[in-house]
Amino acid sequence: QVQLVESGGGLVQAGGSLRLSCVASGRTFSRNAMAWFRQAPGKERRFVGTIRWSDETTYYADSVKGRFTISRDNAKNTVYLQMSSLKPEDSAVYYCAAASHNGTLYYTSSASYDYWGQGTEVTVSS
């Protein structure tokens, strides 16, 4: 059974930092795209960023570009989201996602991902 488990969420003041982790089990994702999405209360789930497996380059939503960094450790089957200069509008439940295909594009649609974690909540106070 494939599982993605996020951790690292919590309450932080505006301007602060958090690092989210997503550990996969049940299969490896070393040759699959992985991504982070987020969903604020009453809003749709939105793309945050993704990392390609082929060269580990990343692509981000404009709203987080320059503040968030995605990385992966294939040996640990883990993907990270380092968040800095946090703003109240970053408050949301953050979800890790993994694709089952081996595509090498930057996938920004949730439909491109087959496995999802349960989410970890991030609250940024002003």
PDB file of N, CA and C in Angstrom:
ATOM      1  N   GLN A   1       0.845  -1.190   0.000  1.00  0.00           N
ATOM      2  CA  GLN A   1       0.000   0.000   0.000  1.00  0.00           C
ATOM      3  C   GLN A   1       0.886   1.248   0.000  1.00  0.00           C
ATOM      4  N   VAL A   2       0.639   2.104  -0.969  1.00  0.00           N
ATOM      5  CA  VAL A   2       1.431   3.322  -1.075  1.00  0.00           C
ATOM      6  C   VAL A   2       0.876   4.375  -0.127  1.00  0.00           C
ATOM      7  N   GLN A   3       1.772   5.007   0.600  1.00  0.00           N
ATOM      8  CA  GLN A   3       1.378   6.079   1.505  1.00  0.00           C
ATOM      9  C   GLN A   3       2.343   7.238   1.392  1.00  0.00           C
ATOM     10  N   LEU A   4       1.783   8.429   1.464  1.00  0.00           N
ATOM     11  CA  LEU A   4       2.573   9.656   1.583  1.00  0.00           C
ATOM     12  C   LEU A   4       2.175  10.294   2.903  1.00  0.00           C
ATOM     13  N   VAL A   5       3.145  10.584   3.727  1.00  0.00           N
ATOM     14  CA  VAL A   5       2.855  11.148   5.042  1.00  0.00           C
ATOM     15  C   VAL A   5       3.622  12.458   5.199  1.00  0.00           C
ATOM     16  N   GLU A   6       2.853  13.548   5.331  1.00  0.00           N
ATOM     17  CA  GLU A   6       3.452  14.854   5.528  1.00  0.00           C
ATOM     18  C   GLU A   6       3.632  15.143   7.013  1.00  0.00           C
ATOM     19  N   SER A   7       4.597  15.981   7.293  1.00  0.00           N
ATOM     20  CA  SER A   7       4.818  16.448   8.661  1.00  0.00           C
ATOM     21  C   SER A   7       5.519  17.799   8.598  1.00  0.00           C
ATOM     22  N   GLY A   8       5.544  18.469   9.742  1.00  0.00           N
ATOM     23  CA  GLY A   8       6.269  19.733   9.829  1.00  0.00           C
ATOM     24  C   GLY A   8       5.403  20.968   9.877  1.00  0.00           C
ATOM     25  N   GLY A   9       4.107  20.796   9.718  1.00  0.00           N
ATOM     26  CA  GLY A   9       3.229  21.953   9.783  1.00  0.00           C
ATOM     27  C   GLY A   9       3.116  22.488  11.201  1.00  0.00           C
ATOM     28  N   GLY A  10       2.496  23.654  11.312  1.00  0.00           N
ATOM     29  CA  GLY A  10       2.322  24.252  12.623  1.00  0.00           C
ATOM     30  C   GLY A  10       1.997  25.715  12.526  1.00  0.00           C
ATOM     31  N   LEU A  11       2.112  26.380  13.656  1.00  0.00           N
ATOM     32  CA  LEU A  11       1.823  27.807  13.754  1.00  0.00           C
ATOM     33  C   LEU A  11       3.137  28.575  13.732  1.00  0.00           C
ATOM     34  N   VAL A  12       3.199  29.593  12.900  1.00  0.00           N
ATOM     35  CA  VAL A  12       4.411  30.399  12.784  1.00  0.00           C
ATOM     36  C   VAL A  12       4.009  31.851  12.564  1.00  0.00           C
ATOM     37  N   GLN A  13       4.838  32.756  13.013  1.00  0.00           N
ATOM     38  CA  GLN A  13       4.559  34.172  12.790  1.00  0.00           C
ATOM     39  C   GLN A  13       4.951  34.582  11.371  1.00  0.00           C
ATOM     40  N   ALA A  14       4.310  35.601  10.890  1.00  0.00           N
ATOM     41  CA  ALA A  14       4.648  36.141   9.575  1.00  0.00           C
ATOM     42  C   ALA A  14       6.138  36.481   9.527  1.00  0.00           C
ATOM     43  N   GLY A  15       6.752  36.122   8.417  1.00  0.00           N
ATOM     44  CA  GLY A  15       8.184  36.326   8.261  1.00  0.00           C
ATOM     45  C   GLY A  15       9.019  35.134   8.680  1.00  0.00           C
ATOM     46  N   GLY A  16       8.386  34.174   9.327  1.00  0.00           N
ATOM     47  CA  GLY A  16       9.091  33.004   9.802  1.00  0.00           C
ATOM     48  C   GLY A  16       9.248  31.934   8.734  1.00  0.00           C
ATOM     49  N   SER A  17       9.779  30.794   9.168  1.00  0.00           N
ATOM     50  CA  SER A  17      10.062  29.686   8.260  1.00  0.00           C
ATOM     51  C   SER A  17       9.551  28.372   8.825  1.00  0.00           C
ATOM     52  N   LEU A  18       9.276  27.464   7.915  1.00  0.00           N
ATOM     53  CA  LEU A  18       8.914  26.093   8.266  1.00  0.00           C
ATOM     54  C   LEU A  18       9.450  25.175   7.185  1.00  0.00           C
ATOM     55  N   ARG A  19       9.748  23.938   7.575  1.00  0.00           N
ATOM     56  CA  ARG A  19      10.109  22.936   6.578  1.00  0.00           C
ATOM     57  C   ARG A  19       9.149  21.765   6.692  1.00  0.00           C
ATOM     58  N   LEU A  20       8.463  21.490   5.609  1.00  0.00           N
ATOM     59  CA  LEU A  20       7.562  20.348   5.549  1.00  0.00           C
ATOM     60  C   LEU A  20       8.305  19.161   4.944  1.00  0.00           C
ATOM     61  N   SER A  21       7.959  17.989   5.424  1.00  0.00           N
ATOM     62  CA  SER A  21       8.526  16.757   4.888  1.00  0.00           C
ATOM     63  C   SER A  21       7.396  15.854   4.420  1.00  0.00           C
ATOM     64  N   CYS A  22       7.688  15.049   3.435  1.00  0.00           N
ATOM     65  CA  CYS A  22       6.727  14.062   2.925  1.00  0.00           C
ATOM     66  C   CYS A  22       7.490  12.767   2.693  1.00  0.00           C
ATOM     67  N   VAL A  23       7.160  11.780   3.488  1.00  0.00           N
ATOM     68  CA  VAL A  23       7.832  10.484   3.375  1.00  0.00           C
ATOM     69  C   VAL A  23       6.909   9.511   2.667  1.00  0.00           C
ATOM     70  N   ALA A  24       7.429   8.870   1.641  1.00  0.00           N
ATOM     71  CA  ALA A  24       6.660   7.893   0.886  1.00  0.00           C
ATOM     72  C   ALA A  24       7.029   6.479   1.321  1.00  0.00           C
ATOM     73  N   SER A  25       6.037   5.618   1.306  1.00  0.00           N
ATOM     74  CA  SER A  25       6.264   4.217   1.601  1.00  0.00           C
ATOM     75  C   SER A  25       5.417   3.374   0.664  1.00  0.00           C
ATOM     76  N   GLY A  26       5.800   2.136   0.496  1.00  0.00           N
ATOM     77  CA  GLY A  26       5.048   1.238  -0.362  1.00  0.00           C
ATOM     78  C   GLY A  26       5.599   1.136  -1.769  1.00  0.00           C
ATOM     79  N   ARG A  27       6.332   2.119  -2.205  1.00  0.00           N
ATOM     80  CA  ARG A  27       7.034   2.099  -3.479  1.00  0.00           C
ATOM     81  C   ARG A  27       7.993   3.286  -3.482  1.00  0.00           C
ATOM     82  N   THR A  28       8.907   3.277  -4.408  1.00  0.00           N
ATOM     83  CA  THR A  28       9.823   4.404  -4.541  1.00  0.00           C
ATOM     84  C   THR A  28       9.330   5.354  -5.631  1.00  0.00           C
ATOM     85  N   PHE A  29       9.695   6.618  -5.482  1.00  0.00           N
ATOM     86  CA  PHE A  29       9.301   7.624  -6.454  1.00  0.00           C
ATOM     87  C   PHE A  29      10.510   8.320  -7.055  1.00  0.00           C
ATOM     88  N   SER A  30      11.623   7.613  -7.115  1.00  0.00           N
ATOM     89  CA  SER A  30      12.853   8.235  -7.614  1.00  0.00           C
ATOM     90  C   SER A  30      12.761   8.614  -9.089  1.00  0.00           C
ATOM     91  N   ARG A  31      11.833   8.006  -9.827  1.00  0.00           N
ATOM     92  CA  ARG A  31      11.659   8.318 -11.240  1.00  0.00           C
ATOM     93  C   ARG A  31      10.272   8.891 -11.516  1.00  0.00           C
ATOM     94  N   ASN A  32       9.778   9.650 -10.558  1.00  0.00           N
ATOM     95  CA  ASN A  32       8.451  10.242 -10.692  1.00  0.00           C
ATOM     96  C   ASN A  32       8.457  11.675 -10.178  1.00  0.00           C
ATOM     97  N   ALA A  33       7.654  12.495 -10.835  1.00  0.00           N
ATOM     98  CA  ALA A  33       7.505  13.859 -10.351  1.00  0.00           C
ATOM     99  C   ALA A  33       6.794  13.873  -9.010  1.00  0.00           C
ATOM    100  N   MET A  34       7.195  14.813  -8.197  1.00  0.00           N
ATOM    101  CA  MET A  34       6.512  15.020  -6.919  1.00  0.00           C
ATOM    102  C   MET A  34       6.211  16.503  -6.787  1.00  0.00           C
ATOM    103  N   ALA A  35       5.212  16.794  -5.968  1.00  0.00           N
ATOM    104  CA  ALA A  35       4.745  18.175  -5.898  1.00  0.00           C
ATOM    105  C   ALA A  35       4.119  18.474  -4.545  1.00  0.00           C
ATOM    106  N   TRP A  36       3.936  19.757  -4.321  1.00  0.00           N
ATOM    107  CA  TRP A  36       3.190  20.242  -3.167  1.00  0.00           C
ATOM    108  C   TRP A  36       2.020  21.091  -3.671  1.00  0.00           C
ATOM    109  N   PHE A  37       0.877  20.887  -3.039  1.00  0.00           N
ATOM    110  CA  PHE A  37      -0.303  21.698  -3.260  1.00  0.00           C
ATOM    111  C   PHE A  37      -0.755  22.217  -1.898  1.00  0.00           C
ATOM    112  N   ARG A  38      -1.639  23.189  -1.940  1.00  0.00           N
ATOM    113  CA  ARG A  38      -2.201  23.671  -0.678  1.00  0.00           C
ATOM    114  C   ARG A  38      -3.654  24.046  -0.877  1.00  0.00           C
ATOM    115  N   GLN A  39      -4.385  24.003   0.230  1.00  0.00           N
ATOM    116  CA  GLN A  39      -5.803  24.334   0.187  1.00  0.00           C
ATOM    117  C   GLN A  39      -6.160  25.140   1.423  1.00  0.00           C
ATOM    118  N   ALA A  40      -6.578  26.371   1.194  1.00  0.00           N
ATOM    119  CA  ALA A  40      -7.035  27.228   2.278  1.00  0.00           C
ATOM    120  C   ALA A  40      -8.518  26.987   2.502  1.00  0.00           C
ATOM    121  N   PRO A  41      -9.036  27.299   3.690  1.00  0.00           N
ATOM    122  CA  PRO A  41     -10.459  27.079   3.975  1.00  0.00           C
ATOM    123  C   PRO A  41     -11.353  27.771   2.958  1.00  0.00           C
ATOM    124  N   GLY A  42     -12.281  27.016   2.403  1.00  0.00           N
ATOM    125  CA  GLY A  42     -13.231  27.574   1.464  1.00  0.00           C
ATOM    126  C   GLY A  42     -12.695  27.803   0.073  1.00  0.00           C
ATOM    127  N   LYS A  43     -11.472  27.355  -0.178  1.00  0.00           N
ATOM    128  CA  LYS A  43     -10.863  27.561  -1.492  1.00  0.00           C
ATOM    129  C   LYS A  43     -10.461  26.233  -2.111  1.00  0.00           C
ATOM    130  N   GLU A  44     -10.195  26.281  -3.402  1.00  0.00           N
ATOM    131  CA  GLU A  44      -9.778  25.082  -4.114  1.00  0.00           C
ATOM    132  C   GLU A  44      -8.314  24.759  -3.802  1.00  0.00           C
ATOM    133  N   ARG A  45      -7.974  23.501  -3.993  1.00  0.00           N
ATOM    134  CA  ARG A  45      -6.585  23.092  -3.837  1.00  0.00           C
ATOM    135  C   ARG A  45      -5.767  23.714  -4.959  1.00  0.00           C
ATOM    136  N   ARG A  46      -4.614  24.276  -4.607  1.00  0.00           N
ATOM    137  CA  ARG A  46      -3.804  24.982  -5.589  1.00  0.00           C
ATOM    138  C   ARG A  46      -2.374  24.474  -5.609  1.00  0.00           C
ATOM    139  N   PHE A  47      -1.809  24.538  -6.767  1.00  0.00           N
ATOM    140  CA  PHE A  47      -0.434  24.128  -6.986  1.00  0.00           C
ATOM    141  C   PHE A  47       0.530  25.059  -6.265  1.00  0.00           C
ATOM    142  N   VAL A  48       1.534  24.491  -5.620  1.00  0.00           N
ATOM    143  CA  VAL A  48       2.578  25.274  -4.959  1.00  0.00           C
ATOM    144  C   VAL A  48       3.903  25.133  -5.712  1.00  0.00           C
ATOM    145  N   GLY A  49       4.301  23.901  -5.956  1.00  0.00           N
ATOM    146  CA  GLY A  49       5.573  23.679  -6.643  1.00  0.00           C
ATOM    147  C   GLY A  49       5.772  22.214  -6.947  1.00  0.00           C
ATOM    148  N   THR A  50       6.695  21.934  -7.851  1.00  0.00           N
ATOM    149  CA  THR A  50       6.974  20.558  -8.248  1.00  0.00           C
ATOM    150  C   THR A  50       8.464  20.380  -8.508  1.00  0.00           C
ATOM    151  N   ILE A  51       8.900  19.144  -8.414  1.00  0.00           N
ATOM    152  CA  ILE A  51      10.299  18.811  -8.674  1.00  0.00           C
ATOM    153  C   ILE A  51      10.360  17.638  -9.634  1.00  0.00           C
ATOM    154  N   ARG A  52      11.137  17.783 -10.680  1.00  0.00           N
ATOM    155  CA  ARG A  52      11.290  16.719 -11.667  1.00  0.00           C
ATOM    156  C   ARG A  52      12.237  15.659 -11.131  1.00  0.00           C
ATOM    157  N   TRP A  53      12.012  14.414 -11.552  1.00  0.00           N
ATOM    158  CA  TRP A  53      12.904  13.357 -11.087  1.00  0.00           C
ATOM    159  C   TRP A  53      14.174  13.327 -11.927  1.00  0.00           C
ATOM    160  N   SER A  54      14.080  13.756 -13.194  1.00  0.00           N
ATOM    161  CA  SER A  54      15.178  13.567 -14.133  1.00  0.00           C
ATOM    162  C   SER A  54      16.392  14.428 -13.793  1.00  0.00           C
ATOM    163  N   ASP A  55      16.144  15.666 -13.366  1.00  0.00           N
ATOM    164  CA  ASP A  55      17.283  16.548 -13.084  1.00  0.00           C
ATOM    165  C   ASP A  55      17.087  17.324 -11.780  1.00  0.00           C
ATOM    166  N   GLU A  56      15.994  17.023 -11.088  1.00  0.00           N
ATOM    167  CA  GLU A  56      15.660  17.635  -9.797  1.00  0.00           C
ATOM    168  C   GLU A  56      15.516  19.146  -9.884  1.00  0.00           C
ATOM    169  N   THR A  57      15.173  19.635 -11.071  1.00  0.00           N
ATOM    170  CA  THR A  57      14.850  21.057 -11.164  1.00  0.00           C
ATOM    171  C   THR A  57      13.422  21.271 -10.686  1.00  0.00           C
ATOM    172  N   THR A  58      13.132  22.501 -10.348  1.00  0.00           N
ATOM    173  CA  THR A  58      11.871  22.818  -9.712  1.00  0.00           C
ATOM    174  C   THR A  58      11.121  23.923 -10.439  1.00  0.00           C
ATOM    175  N   TYR A  59       9.838  23.983 -10.168  1.00  0.00           N
ATOM    176  CA  TYR A  59       8.971  25.006 -10.750  1.00  0.00           C
ATOM    177  C   TYR A  59       7.947  25.380  -9.697  1.00  0.00           C
ATOM    178  N   TYR A  60       7.681  26.680  -9.567  1.00  0.00           N
ATOM    179  CA  TYR A  60       6.822  27.154  -8.485  1.00  0.00           C
ATOM    180  C   TYR A  60       5.699  28.056  -8.986  1.00  0.00           C
ATOM    181  N   ALA A  61       4.651  28.092  -8.192  1.00  0.00           N
ATOM    182  CA  ALA A  61       3.610  29.085  -8.420  1.00  0.00           C
ATOM    183  C   ALA A  61       4.203  30.468  -8.158  1.00  0.00           C
ATOM    184  N   ASP A  62       3.698  31.452  -8.878  1.00  0.00           N
ATOM    185  CA  ASP A  62       4.219  32.813  -8.725  1.00  0.00           C
ATOM    186  C   ASP A  62       4.097  33.313  -7.278  1.00  0.00           C
ATOM    187  N   SER A  63       3.064  32.863  -6.599  1.00  0.00           N
ATOM    188  CA  SER A  63       2.802  33.356  -5.245  1.00  0.00           C
ATOM    189  C   SER A  63       3.869  32.929  -4.241  1.00  0.00           C
ATOM    190  N   VAL A  64       4.633  31.891  -4.553  1.00  0.00           N
ATOM    191  CA  VAL A  64       5.639  31.403  -3.604  1.00  0.00           C
ATOM    192  C   VAL A  64       7.058  31.470  -4.152  1.00  0.00           C
ATOM    193  N   LYS A  65       7.182  31.851  -5.393  1.00  0.00           N
ATOM    194  CA  LYS A  65       8.498  31.881  -6.048  1.00  0.00           C
ATOM    195  C   LYS A  65       9.450  32.795  -5.272  1.00  0.00           C
ATOM    196  N   GLY A  66      10.642  32.291  -5.027  1.00  0.00           N
ATOM    197  CA  GLY A  66      11.634  33.059  -4.285  1.00  0.00           C
ATOM    198  C   GLY A  66      11.543  32.897  -2.780  1.00  0.00           C
ATOM    199  N   ARG A  67      10.459  32.294  -2.298  1.00  0.00           N
ATOM    200  CA  ARG A  67      10.283  32.099  -0.851  1.00  0.00           C
ATOM    201  C   ARG A  67      10.271  30.620  -0.482  1.00  0.00           C
ATOM    202  N   PHE A  68       9.786  29.787  -1.383  1.00  0.00           N
ATOM    203  CA  PHE A  68       9.675  28.356  -1.105  1.00  0.00           C
ATOM    204  C   PHE A  68      10.678  27.585  -1.958  1.00  0.00           C
ATOM    205  N   THR A  69      11.168  26.487  -1.404  1.00  0.00           N
ATOM    206  CA  THR A  69      12.117  25.638  -2.121  1.00  0.00           C
ATOM    207  C   THR A  69      11.755  24.176  -1.914  1.00  0.00           C
ATOM    208  N   ILE A  70      11.642  23.449  -3.012  1.00  0.00           N
ATOM    209  CA  ILE A  70      11.372  22.020  -2.954  1.00  0.00           C
ATOM    210  C   ILE A  70      12.675  21.265  -3.199  1.00  0.00           C
ATOM    211  N   SER A  71      12.859  20.211  -2.453  1.00  0.00           N
ATOM    212  CA  SER A  71      14.000  19.330  -2.678  1.00  0.00           C
ATOM    213  C   SER A  71      13.553  17.894  -2.421  1.00  0.00           C
ATOM    214  N   ARG A  72      14.373  16.958  -2.849  1.00  0.00           N
ATOM    215  CA  ARG A  72      14.027  15.551  -2.645  1.00  0.00           C
ATOM    216  C   ARG A  72      15.276  14.762  -2.281  1.00  0.00           C
ATOM    217  N   ASP A  73      15.054  13.734  -1.495  1.00  0.00           N
ATOM    218  CA  ASP A  73      16.111  12.797  -1.128  1.00  0.00           C
ATOM    219  C   ASP A  73      15.610  11.420  -1.510  1.00  0.00           C
ATOM    220  N   ASN A  74      16.040  10.949  -2.656  1.00  0.00           N
ATOM    221  CA  ASN A  74      15.530   9.677  -3.157  1.00  0.00           C
ATOM    222  C   ASN A  74      15.946   8.509  -2.272  1.00  0.00           C
ATOM    223  N   ALA A  75      17.085   8.621  -1.632  1.00  0.00           N
ATOM    224  CA  ALA A  75      17.527   7.550  -0.744  1.00  0.00           C
ATOM    225  C   ALA A  75      16.567   7.381   0.431  1.00  0.00           C
ATOM    226  N   LYS A  76      15.932   8.489   0.824  1.00  0.00           N
ATOM    227  CA  LYS A  76      14.972   8.444   1.932  1.00  0.00           C
ATOM    228  C   LYS A  76      13.534   8.443   1.438  1.00  0.00           C
ATOM    229  N   ASN A  77      13.362   8.455   0.113  1.00  0.00           N
ATOM    230  CA  ASN A  77      12.012   8.482  -0.469  1.00  0.00           C
ATOM    231  C   ASN A  77      11.201   9.634   0.121  1.00  0.00           C
ATOM    232  N   THR A  78      11.844  10.791   0.197  1.00  0.00           N
ATOM    233  CA  THR A  78      11.274  11.947   0.880  1.00  0.00           C
ATOM    234  C   THR A  78      11.406  13.186   0.014  1.00  0.00           C
ATOM    235  N   VAL A  79      10.382  14.027   0.069  1.00  0.00           N
ATOM    236  CA  VAL A  79      10.416  15.328  -0.579  1.00  0.00           C
ATOM    237  C   VAL A  79      10.154  16.382   0.492  1.00  0.00           C
ATOM    238  N   TYR A  80      10.804  17.514   0.329  1.00  0.00           N
ATOM    239  CA  TYR A  80      10.717  18.578   1.325  1.00  0.00           C
ATOM    240  C   TYR A  80      10.164  19.856   0.700  1.00  0.00           C
ATOM    241  N   LEU A  81       9.572  20.669   1.543  1.00  0.00           N
ATOM    242  CA  LEU A  81       9.165  22.007   1.142  1.00  0.00           C
ATOM    243  C   LEU A  81       9.681  22.971   2.205  1.00  0.00           C
ATOM    244  N   GLN A  82      10.709  23.710   1.854  1.00  0.00           N
ATOM    245  CA  GLN A  82      11.242  24.733   2.747  1.00  0.00           C
ATOM    246  C   GLN A  82      10.531  26.038   2.466  1.00  0.00           C
ATOM    247  N   MET A  83       9.880  26.576   3.480  1.00  0.00           N
ATOM    248  CA  MET A  83       9.095  27.796   3.320  1.00  0.00           C
ATOM    249  C   MET A  83       9.708  28.896   4.172  1.00  0.00           C
ATOM    250  N   SER A  84       9.966  30.032   3.583  1.00  0.00           N
ATOM    251  CA  SER A  84      10.517  31.153   4.316  1.00  0.00           C
ATOM    252  C   SER A  84       9.737  32.409   3.978  1.00  0.00           C
ATOM    253  N   SER A  85       9.990  33.453   4.749  1.00  0.00           N
ATOM    254  CA  SER A  85       9.259  34.716   4.576  1.00  0.00           C
ATOM    255  C   SER A  85       7.763  34.457   4.480  1.00  0.00           C
ATOM    256  N   LEU A  86       7.269  33.661   5.394  1.00  0.00           N
ATOM    257  CA  LEU A  86       5.867  33.256   5.348  1.00  0.00           C
ATOM    258  C   LEU A  86       4.935  34.433   5.576  1.00  0.00           C
ATOM    259  N   LYS A  87       3.797  34.369   4.901  1.00  0.00           N
ATOM    260  CA  LYS A  87       2.767  35.402   4.980  1.00  0.00           C
ATOM    261  C   LYS A  87       1.473  34.767   5.471  1.00  0.00           C
ATOM    262  N   PRO A  88       0.591  35.565   6.056  1.00  0.00           N
ATOM    263  CA  PRO A  88      -0.698  35.003   6.492  1.00  0.00           C
ATOM    264  C   PRO A  88      -1.452  34.297   5.359  1.00  0.00           C
ATOM    265  N   GLU A  89      -1.307  34.781   4.151  1.00  0.00           N
ATOM    266  CA  GLU A  89      -2.001  34.148   3.024  1.00  0.00           C
ATOM    267  C   GLU A  89      -1.408  32.803   2.632  1.00  0.00           C
ATOM    268  N   ASP A  90      -0.302  32.422   3.241  1.00  0.00           N
ATOM    269  CA  ASP A  90       0.249  31.079   3.033  1.00  0.00           C
ATOM    270  C   ASP A  90      -0.442  30.038   3.921  1.00  0.00           C
ATOM    271  N   SER A  91      -1.282  30.485   4.822  1.00  0.00           N
ATOM    272  CA  SER A  91      -1.988  29.569   5.710  1.00  0.00           C
ATOM    273  C   SER A  91      -2.881  28.638   4.898  1.00  0.00           C
ATOM    274  N   ALA A  92      -2.733  27.352   5.127  1.00  0.00           N
ATOM    275  CA  ALA A  92      -3.486  26.351   4.359  1.00  0.00           C
ATOM    276  C   ALA A  92      -3.093  24.967   4.863  1.00  0.00           C
ATOM    277  N   VAL A  93      -3.813  23.993   4.370  1.00  0.00           N
ATOM    278  CA  VAL A  93      -3.365  22.606   4.519  1.00  0.00           C
ATOM    279  C   VAL A  93      -2.499  22.290   3.304  1.00  0.00           C
ATOM    280  N   TYR A  94      -1.305  21.800   3.576  1.00  0.00           N
ATOM    281  CA  TYR A  94      -0.353  21.499   2.511  1.00  0.00           C
ATOM    282  C   TYR A  94      -0.329  20.000   2.247  1.00  0.00           C
ATOM    283  N   TYR A  95      -0.434  19.658   0.973  1.00  0.00           N
ATOM    284  CA  TYR A  95      -0.491  18.268   0.550  1.00  0.00           C
ATOM    285  C   TYR A  95       0.708  17.923  -0.334  1.00  0.00           C
ATOM    286  N   CYS A  96       1.259  16.777  -0.085  1.00  0.00           N
ATOM    287  CA  CYS A  96       2.295  16.214  -0.932  1.00  0.00           C
ATOM    288  C   CYS A  96       1.613  15.319  -1.973  1.00  0.00           C
ATOM    289  N   ALA A  97       2.163  15.303  -3.183  1.00  0.00           N
ATOM    290  CA  ALA A  97       1.603  14.481  -4.246  1.00  0.00           C
ATOM    291  C   ALA A  97       2.722  13.840  -5.049  1.00  0.00           C
ATOM    292  N   ALA A  98       2.453  12.653  -5.568  1.00  0.00           N
ATOM    293  CA  ALA A  98       3.429  11.943  -6.383  1.00  0.00           C
ATOM    294  C   ALA A  98       2.740  11.368  -7.616  1.00  0.00           C
ATOM    295  N   ALA A  99       3.451  11.423  -8.722  1.00  0.00           N
ATOM    296  CA  ALA A  99       2.916  10.878  -9.967  1.00  0.00           C
ATOM    297  C   ALA A  99       3.311   9.411 -10.116  1.00  0.00           C
ATOM    298  N   SER A 100       2.494   8.670 -10.846  1.00  0.00           N
ATOM    299  CA  SER A 100       2.844   7.286 -11.146  1.00  0.00           C
ATOM    300  C   SER A 100       3.540   7.174 -12.503  1.00  0.00           C
ATOM    301  N   HIS A 101       3.385   8.205 -13.352  1.00  0.00           N
ATOM    302  CA  HIS A 101       4.030   8.182 -14.658  1.00  0.00           C
ATOM    303  C   HIS A 101       5.459   8.689 -14.525  1.00  0.00           C
ATOM    304  N   ASN A 102       6.238   8.484 -15.586  1.00  0.00           N
ATOM    305  CA  ASN A 102       7.647   8.874 -15.580  1.00  0.00           C
ATOM    306  C   ASN A 102       7.911  10.132 -16.409  1.00  0.00           C
ATOM    307  N   GLY A 103       6.895  10.934 -16.574  1.00  0.00           N
ATOM    308  CA  GLY A 103       7.065  12.142 -17.366  1.00  0.00           C
ATOM    309  C   GLY A 103       8.068  13.107 -16.753  1.00  0.00           C
ATOM    310  N   THR A 104       8.674  13.902 -17.601  1.00  0.00           N
ATOM    311  CA  THR A 104       9.735  14.807 -17.161  1.00  0.00           C
ATOM    312  C   THR A 104       9.371  16.279 -17.321  1.00  0.00           C
ATOM    313  N   LEU A 105       8.102  16.561 -17.489  1.00  0.00           N
ATOM    314  CA  LEU A 105       7.665  17.947 -17.565  1.00  0.00           C
ATOM    315  C   LEU A 105       7.429  18.486 -16.151  1.00  0.00           C
ATOM    316  N   TYR A 106       7.098  19.772 -16.100  1.00  0.00           N
ATOM    317  CA  TYR A 106       6.645  20.352 -14.840  1.00  0.00           C
ATOM    318  C   TYR A 106       5.123  20.221 -14.814  1.00  0.00           C
ATOM    319  N   TYR A 107       4.617  19.410 -13.934  1.00  0.00           N
ATOM    320  CA  TYR A 107       3.182  19.132 -13.860  1.00  0.00           C
ATOM    321  C   TYR A 107       2.556  19.982 -12.769  1.00  0.00           C
ATOM    322  N   THR A 108       1.662  20.874 -13.159  1.00  0.00           N
ATOM    323  CA  THR A 108       1.058  21.802 -12.204  1.00  0.00           C
ATOM    324  C   THR A 108      -0.392  21.471 -11.886  1.00  0.00           C
ATOM    325  N   SER A 109      -0.969  20.537 -12.593  1.00  0.00           N
ATOM    326  CA  SER A 109      -2.356  20.161 -12.363  1.00  0.00           C
ATOM    327  C   SER A 109      -2.433  19.003 -11.378  1.00  0.00           C
ATOM    328  N   SER A 110      -3.405  19.070 -10.481  1.00  0.00           N
ATOM    329  CA  SER A 110      -3.574  17.972  -9.528  1.00  0.00           C
ATOM    330  C   SER A 110      -3.916  16.668 -10.239  1.00  0.00           C
ATOM    331  N   ALA A 111      -4.480  16.755 -11.426  1.00  0.00           N
ATOM    332  CA  ALA A 111      -4.846  15.557 -12.185  1.00  0.00           C
ATOM    333  C   ALA A 111      -3.621  14.755 -12.640  1.00  0.00           C
ATOM    334  N   SER A 112      -2.460  15.376 -12.602  1.00  0.00           N
ATOM    335  CA  SER A 112      -1.237  14.690 -13.032  1.00  0.00           C
ATOM    336  C   SER A 112      -0.654  13.796 -11.945  1.00  0.00           C
ATOM    337  N   TYR A 113      -1.215  13.857 -10.759  1.00  0.00           N
ATOM    338  CA  TYR A 113      -0.674  13.123  -9.614  1.00  0.00           C
ATOM    339  C   TYR A 113      -1.656  12.078  -9.132  1.00  0.00           C
ATOM    340  N   ASP A 114      -1.110  10.931  -8.770  1.00  0.00           N
ATOM    341  CA  ASP A 114      -1.940   9.781  -8.445  1.00  0.00           C
ATOM    342  C   ASP A 114      -1.968   9.450  -6.957  1.00  0.00           C
ATOM    343  N   TYR A 115      -0.967   9.918  -6.253  1.00  0.00           N
ATOM    344  CA  TYR A 115      -0.872   9.601  -4.825  1.00  0.00           C
ATOM    345  C   TYR A 115      -0.818  10.907  -4.037  1.00  0.00           C
ATOM    346  N   TRP A 116      -1.538  10.916  -2.931  1.00  0.00           N
ATOM    347  CA  TRP A 116      -1.655  12.115  -2.116  1.00  0.00           C
ATOM    348  C   TRP A 116      -1.477  11.776  -0.644  1.00  0.00           C
ATOM    349  N   GLY A 117      -0.893  12.714   0.071  1.00  0.00           N
ATOM    350  CA  GLY A 117      -0.833  12.586   1.512  1.00  0.00           C
ATOM    351  C   GLY A 117      -2.098  13.118   2.148  1.00  0.00           C
ATOM    352  N   GLN A 118      -2.146  13.029   3.464  1.00  0.00           N
ATOM    353  CA  GLN A 118      -3.334  13.458   4.199  1.00  0.00           C
ATOM    354  C   GLN A 118      -3.316  14.949   4.502  1.00  0.00           C
ATOM    355  N   GLY A 119      -2.167  15.566   4.315  1.00  0.00           N
ATOM    356  CA  GLY A 119      -2.046  17.002   4.521  1.00  0.00           C
ATOM    357  C   GLY A 119      -1.497  17.355   5.887  1.00  0.00           C
ATOM    358  N   THR A 120      -0.837  18.496   5.937  1.00  0.00           N
ATOM    359  CA  THR A 120      -0.352  19.057   7.192  1.00  0.00           C
ATOM    360  C   THR A 120      -0.697  20.541   7.201  1.00  0.00           C
ATOM    361  N   GLU A 121      -1.204  20.999   8.324  1.00  0.00           N
ATOM    362  CA  GLU A 121      -1.730  22.362   8.377  1.00  0.00           C
ATOM    363  C   GLU A 121      -0.651  23.359   8.740  1.00  0.00           C
ATOM    364  N   VAL A 122      -0.645  24.453   8.014  1.00  0.00           N
ATOM    365  CA  VAL A 122       0.271  25.563   8.277  1.00  0.00           C
ATOM    366  C   VAL A 122      -0.565  26.799   8.555  1.00  0.00           C
ATOM    367  N   THR A 123      -0.303  27.428   9.679  1.00  0.00           N
ATOM    368  CA  THR A 123      -0.999  28.657  10.033  1.00  0.00           C
ATOM    369  C   THR A 123       0.049  29.742  10.265  1.00  0.00           C
ATOM    370  N   VAL A 124      -0.112  30.847   9.551  1.00  0.00           N
ATOM    371  CA  VAL A 124       0.820  31.960   9.676  1.00  0.00           C
ATOM    372  C   VAL A 124       0.071  33.125  10.302  1.00  0.00           C
ATOM    373  N   SER A 125       0.510  33.526  11.452  1.00  0.00           N
ATOM    374  CA  SER A 125      -0.152  34.627  12.156  1.00  0.00           C
ATOM    375  C   SER A 125       0.496  35.958  11.784  1.00  0.00           C
ATOM    376  N   SER A 126      -0.341  36.989  11.781  1.00  0.00           N
ATOM    377  CA  SER A 126       0.160  38.325  11.398  1.00  0.00           C
ATOM    378  C   SER A 126       0.674  39.097  12.601  1.00  0.00           C
TER     379      SER A 126
END
